[in-house]
Protein backbone atom coordinates (compact mmCIF):
# COMPACT_ATOMS: atom_id res chain seq x y z
CA UNK A 1 122.53 85.47 88.22
CA UNK A 2 124.15 88.25 90.25
CA UNK A 3 122.78 90.87 87.84
CA UNK A 4 119.22 89.59 88.32
CA UNK A 5 119.60 89.66 92.10
CA UNK A 6 120.89 93.22 91.98
CA UNK A 7 118.03 94.27 89.69
CA UNK A 8 115.34 92.71 91.91
CA UNK A 9 116.70 94.28 95.10
CA UNK A 10 117.10 97.71 93.47
CA UNK A 11 113.50 97.59 92.20
CA UNK A 12 112.19 96.68 95.66
CA UNK A 13 114.15 99.52 97.27
CA UNK A 14 113.00 101.85 94.47
CA UNK A 15 109.36 101.10 95.27
CA UNK A 16 110.08 101.77 98.92
CA UNK A 17 111.87 105.05 98.18
CA UNK A 18 109.08 106.20 95.87
CA UNK A 19 106.50 105.86 98.65
CA UNK A 20 108.82 107.65 101.07
CA UNK A 21 109.26 110.53 98.65
CA UNK A 22 105.55 110.58 97.83
CA UNK A 23 104.59 110.69 101.50
CA UNK A 24 107.14 113.44 102.09
CA UNK A 25 105.52 115.50 99.33
CA UNK A 26 102.04 115.40 100.89
CA UNK A 27 102.83 118.14 103.49
CA UNK A 28 103.69 120.48 100.59
CA UNK A 29 100.30 119.82 99.02
CA UNK A 30 98.67 120.40 102.39
CA UNK A 31 100.52 123.71 102.74
CA UNK A 32 99.31 124.77 99.28
CA UNK A 33 95.75 124.23 100.56
CA UNK A 34 96.50 126.41 103.62
CA UNK A 35 96.83 123.66 106.20
CA UNK A 36 97.68 124.98 109.66
CA UNK A 37 100.83 124.10 111.62
CA UNK A 38 98.70 121.91 113.87
CA UNK A 39 97.36 119.98 110.89
CA UNK A 40 100.86 119.58 109.50
CA UNK A 41 102.06 118.33 112.87
CA UNK A 42 99.24 115.79 112.98
CA UNK A 43 100.13 114.43 109.56
CA UNK A 44 103.81 114.04 110.48
CA UNK A 45 102.85 111.12 112.74
CA UNK A 46 102.89 109.00 109.58
CA UNK A 47 106.71 109.02 109.50
CA UNK A 48 107.19 107.27 112.86
CA UNK A 49 106.87 103.57 111.84
CA UNK A 50 110.40 103.62 110.42
CA UNK A 51 111.72 104.76 113.80
CA UNK A 52 110.14 101.86 115.67
CA UNK A 53 110.33 99.00 113.18
CA UNK A 54 112.79 97.23 115.47
CA UNK A 55 109.76 96.40 117.65
CA UNK A 56 108.18 94.08 115.07
CA UNK A 57 111.26 93.20 112.99
CA UNK A 58 111.88 89.97 115.00
CA UNK A 59 108.33 88.83 114.21
CA UNK A 60 108.88 89.25 110.47
CA UNK A 61 112.28 87.59 110.66
CA UNK A 62 111.24 84.63 112.80
CA UNK A 63 107.69 83.71 111.78
CA UNK A 64 107.01 82.53 108.25
CA UNK A 65 105.45 79.74 106.21
CA UNK A 66 108.23 77.41 105.08
CA UNK A 67 106.28 76.34 102.02
CA UNK A 68 106.17 79.92 100.72
CA UNK A 69 109.66 80.94 101.82
CA UNK A 70 111.08 83.07 104.58
CA UNK A 71 110.95 86.35 102.66
CA UNK A 72 108.06 85.67 100.30
CA UNK A 73 105.71 84.95 103.23
CA UNK A 74 105.80 88.63 104.19
CA UNK A 75 107.03 90.48 101.11
CA UNK A 76 104.33 89.49 98.62
CA UNK A 77 101.30 90.12 100.89
CA UNK A 78 102.77 93.45 102.05
CA UNK A 79 103.34 94.64 98.50
CA UNK A 80 99.89 93.52 97.38
CA UNK A 81 98.31 95.40 100.29
CA UNK A 82 100.27 98.55 99.45
CA UNK A 83 99.22 98.29 95.81
CA UNK A 84 95.54 97.85 96.67
CA UNK A 85 95.60 100.76 99.14
CA UNK A 86 97.28 103.06 96.60
CA UNK A 87 94.79 102.14 93.87
CA UNK A 88 91.83 102.88 96.14
CA UNK A 89 93.51 106.03 97.50
CA UNK A 90 94.10 107.41 94.00
CA UNK A 91 90.35 108.03 93.55
CA UNK A 92 90.02 110.01 96.81
CA UNK A 93 93.42 111.61 97.46
CA UNK A 94 92.79 114.97 95.80
CA UNK A 95 89.41 115.27 97.56
CA UNK A 96 91.03 114.53 100.93
CA UNK A 97 93.78 117.08 100.31
CA UNK A 98 91.51 119.87 99.09
CA UNK A 99 89.14 119.42 102.03
CA UNK A 100 92.02 118.97 104.50
CA UNK A 101 90.78 115.67 105.90
CA UNK A 102 93.92 115.42 107.99
CA UNK A 103 92.88 112.59 110.30
CA UNK A 104 91.85 110.33 107.42
CA UNK A 105 95.02 111.16 105.48
CA UNK A 106 97.15 110.50 108.56
CA UNK A 107 95.56 107.09 109.19
CA UNK A 108 95.91 106.01 105.55
CA UNK A 109 99.50 107.13 105.13
CA UNK A 110 100.46 105.80 108.57
CA UNK A 111 99.25 102.38 107.41
CA UNK A 112 101.14 102.72 104.12
CA UNK A 113 104.31 103.81 105.92
CA UNK A 114 103.94 100.93 108.39
CA UNK A 115 103.74 98.50 105.48
CA UNK A 116 106.73 100.15 103.78
CA UNK A 117 108.74 99.89 107.02
CA UNK A 118 107.81 96.20 107.17
CA UNK A 119 108.80 95.78 103.52
CA UNK A 120 112.14 97.39 104.38
CA UNK A 121 112.74 94.79 107.10
CA UNK A 122 112.08 91.96 104.64
CA UNK A 123 114.16 93.41 101.81
CA UNK A 124 117.08 94.20 104.14
CA UNK A 125 117.18 90.60 105.33
CA UNK A 126 116.67 89.21 101.84
CA UNK A 127 119.41 91.32 100.29
CA UNK A 128 121.88 90.25 102.97
CA UNK A 129 121.17 86.56 102.28
CA UNK A 130 121.21 87.04 98.48
CA UNK A 131 124.67 88.61 98.47
CA UNK A 132 126.23 86.77 101.42
CA UNK A 133 128.06 84.32 99.15
CA UNK A 134 129.23 86.85 96.55
CA UNK A 135 129.75 90.44 97.66
CA UNK A 136 127.95 91.58 100.83
CA UNK A 137 128.55 95.23 99.93
CA UNK A 138 125.99 94.92 97.14
CA UNK A 139 123.21 94.93 99.76
CA UNK A 140 123.89 98.49 100.94
CA UNK A 141 124.78 99.64 97.41
CA UNK A 142 121.42 98.46 96.05
CA UNK A 143 119.65 100.10 98.96
CA UNK A 144 121.24 103.50 98.34
CA UNK A 145 120.69 103.37 94.58
CA UNK A 146 117.10 102.11 94.78
CA UNK A 147 115.94 104.40 97.57
CA UNK A 148 117.54 107.51 96.07
CA UNK A 149 116.00 106.92 92.63
CA UNK A 150 112.63 106.12 94.18
CA UNK A 151 112.72 109.17 96.45
CA UNK A 152 113.60 111.35 93.45
CA UNK A 153 110.62 109.98 91.51
CA UNK A 154 108.21 110.26 94.43
CA UNK A 155 109.15 113.83 95.31
CA UNK A 156 111.03 115.80 92.65
CA UNK A 157 109.51 114.18 89.57
CA UNK A 158 106.01 114.27 91.09
CA UNK A 159 106.16 117.88 92.26
CA UNK A 160 107.75 119.09 89.02
CA UNK A 161 105.75 117.38 86.30
CA UNK A 162 102.42 117.44 88.15
CA UNK A 163 102.72 121.24 88.09
CA UNK A 164 100.86 122.90 85.20
CA UNK A 165 103.07 126.01 85.42
CA UNK A 166 106.32 124.08 84.94
CA UNK A 167 104.86 121.86 82.23
CA UNK A 168 103.42 124.78 80.28
CA UNK A 169 106.58 126.88 80.48
CA UNK A 170 109.30 124.30 79.94
CA UNK A 171 107.61 121.52 77.94
CA UNK A 172 104.51 122.71 76.12
CA UNK A 173 105.83 126.15 75.05
CA UNK A 174 109.12 124.84 73.54
CA UNK A 175 107.11 122.17 71.67
CA UNK A 176 104.49 124.74 70.55
CA UNK A 177 101.75 122.89 72.35
CA UNK A 178 98.71 124.65 73.84
CA UNK A 179 98.74 125.46 77.55
CA UNK A 180 96.74 123.23 79.85
CA UNK A 181 95.46 123.60 83.39
CA UNK A 182 97.23 120.41 84.42
CA UNK A 183 100.71 118.93 84.24
CA UNK A 184 101.96 115.84 82.41
CA UNK A 185 100.04 113.71 84.89
CA UNK A 186 97.73 114.23 87.83
CA UNK A 187 98.18 113.20 91.44
CA UNK A 188 95.51 110.56 90.90
CA UNK A 189 97.32 109.09 87.88
CA UNK A 190 100.64 109.04 89.75
CA UNK A 191 99.13 107.22 92.74
CA UNK A 192 97.23 104.78 90.53
CA UNK A 193 100.35 104.01 88.47
CA UNK A 194 102.44 103.08 91.49
CA UNK A 195 99.62 101.06 93.01
CA UNK A 196 99.45 98.98 89.83
CA UNK A 197 103.26 98.77 89.76
CA UNK A 198 103.35 97.31 93.28
CA UNK A 199 100.87 94.62 92.24
CA UNK A 200 102.75 93.81 89.00
CA UNK A 201 106.06 93.47 90.88
CA UNK A 202 104.33 91.21 93.43
CA UNK A 203 103.01 88.96 90.65
CA UNK A 204 106.49 88.79 89.09
CA UNK A 205 107.94 87.80 92.48
CA UNK A 206 105.33 85.05 92.80
CA UNK A 207 106.28 83.67 89.38
CA UNK A 208 110.02 83.86 90.15
CA UNK A 209 109.49 82.17 93.51
CA UNK A 210 107.45 79.38 91.91
CA UNK A 211 110.03 78.58 89.22
CA UNK A 212 112.87 78.84 91.73
CA UNK A 213 111.20 76.27 93.99
CA UNK A 214 110.54 73.95 91.04
CA UNK A 215 114.17 74.22 89.98
CA UNK A 216 115.40 73.53 93.52
CA UNK A 217 113.16 70.46 93.77
CA UNK A 218 114.52 69.03 90.51
CA UNK A 219 118.09 69.59 91.65
CA UNK A 220 117.40 68.37 95.22
CA UNK A 221 118.60 71.67 96.64
CA UNK A 222 117.93 72.36 100.31
CA UNK A 223 115.82 75.52 100.15
CA UNK A 224 115.91 76.23 103.86
CA UNK A 225 119.59 76.06 104.78
CA UNK A 226 119.29 79.31 106.71
CA UNK A 227 116.74 77.73 109.06
CA UNK A 228 119.51 75.61 110.61
CA UNK A 229 120.70 78.69 112.49
CA UNK A 230 117.24 80.26 112.79
CA UNK A 231 116.26 81.77 116.15
CA UNK A 232 112.72 81.53 117.39
CA UNK A 233 110.75 84.67 118.23
CA UNK A 234 111.66 84.80 121.92
CA UNK A 235 115.35 84.17 121.22
CA UNK A 236 115.35 86.95 118.63
CA UNK A 237 113.93 89.50 121.08
CA UNK A 238 116.38 88.35 123.74
CA UNK A 239 119.25 88.81 121.29
CA UNK A 240 118.11 92.40 120.70
CA UNK A 241 117.93 93.04 124.44
CA UNK A 242 121.45 91.63 124.83
CA UNK A 243 122.72 94.34 122.51
CA UNK A 244 121.35 97.05 124.80
CA UNK A 245 123.41 95.69 127.67
CA UNK A 246 126.45 97.09 125.89
CA UNK A 247 127.28 100.62 126.90
CA UNK A 248 128.28 101.67 123.38
CA UNK A 249 124.86 100.64 122.02
CA UNK A 250 123.05 102.64 124.72
CA UNK A 251 125.21 105.66 123.97
CA UNK A 252 124.59 105.37 120.23
CA UNK A 253 120.83 105.01 120.86
CA UNK A 254 120.81 108.16 122.99
CA UNK A 255 122.67 110.10 120.30
CA UNK A 256 120.33 108.93 117.54
CA UNK A 257 117.26 109.83 119.61
CA UNK A 258 118.42 113.34 120.51
CA UNK A 259 120.83 114.61 117.84
CA UNK A 260 118.16 116.29 115.71
CA UNK A 261 116.32 118.10 118.51
CA UNK A 262 118.17 121.34 117.81
CA UNK A 263 117.28 121.62 114.14
CA UNK A 264 114.34 119.26 113.51
CA UNK A 265 111.68 122.00 113.60
CA UNK A 266 113.67 124.30 111.32
CA UNK A 267 114.48 121.53 108.88
CA UNK A 268 110.89 120.39 108.49
CA UNK A 269 109.22 123.80 108.58
CA UNK A 270 111.53 125.62 106.18
CA UNK A 271 110.07 124.00 103.06
CA UNK A 272 106.54 124.70 104.21
CA UNK A 273 107.35 128.32 105.01
CA UNK A 274 109.03 128.85 101.65
CA UNK A 275 106.03 127.33 99.90
CA UNK A 276 103.70 129.68 101.73
C-alpha cells in the first residue's frame, strides 16, 4: 500500500516538474528565434503564479465536494484542463514561437503555470495526509524525486533530443542511420504526448478514487475523518494572517522576497546570452 502511495505522488510531482522544465525551456526557443530582451521579460511573467499561490491555497484546501473527495475535487479537473490545453497548444506552439507571438504565449503559459501551481497545492496537502500515519518524510522525498525527474525530462531531455544536430551526431551516425532535419521527436509531439499523459493519469485517478470509495463503503470506513478538524475558508485565511504576526515569519518573508535581487538578472540572462 505504501509503495502505491509513493508511486502515485511521485508521478503527480513528475508531471508538475515536467511542465516547469518545459516552460523554462521556452525562453531558449524564443532566443533562438531572436526574441528581444523586452519580449523575454514579458514572457517571464508566466513564472509568477508559484510565488503567489498562498493567495488561493486556502480556497483549494477549504472548499470541495465531499462526494468526490477533498483532493479529487480539485486535482482531477485541474489535470484534465492542463491536458486539454497542452493537446490544443501542441498544434500551434511552433507557429507561435517562430512568429514570436509573445502575448499569446505568455497568456497560455501563465494559465498552465497557474494550474500547475494549483496542482502543487493539492498534491502537497494530499501527500502530507497520505504519509501522516506512516512516515511523513516520504512527502518531501517524493516531491524532490518527482520534480527533479520531471524537470530533467521537460528541459534537458527535450532540448537535447529535439535537436537534429545532437540526434544526427550522437544517435544516427553511430547507428549508421541517415541524417534528418529533425530530432527524435518534435516540439509538437512532446507537447501532445504530455497532454495525453495528463489526461490518462487523471482517468487512472478517477478509477482509483471510485474503487477506494466502494471499498470504504463496504468496510464502513469514515472517508472524511480529516473534516473533523477542517477550517472554513475565513478561518484558514485568518490562520495565515496569524502567522505574519510573528516577527520571525516577517523576517523570513522579507529575506525570501529580496535575496535574489543581486543576481536574478545575471542568473536568468546568462543562458540566453550563451545561446545567442
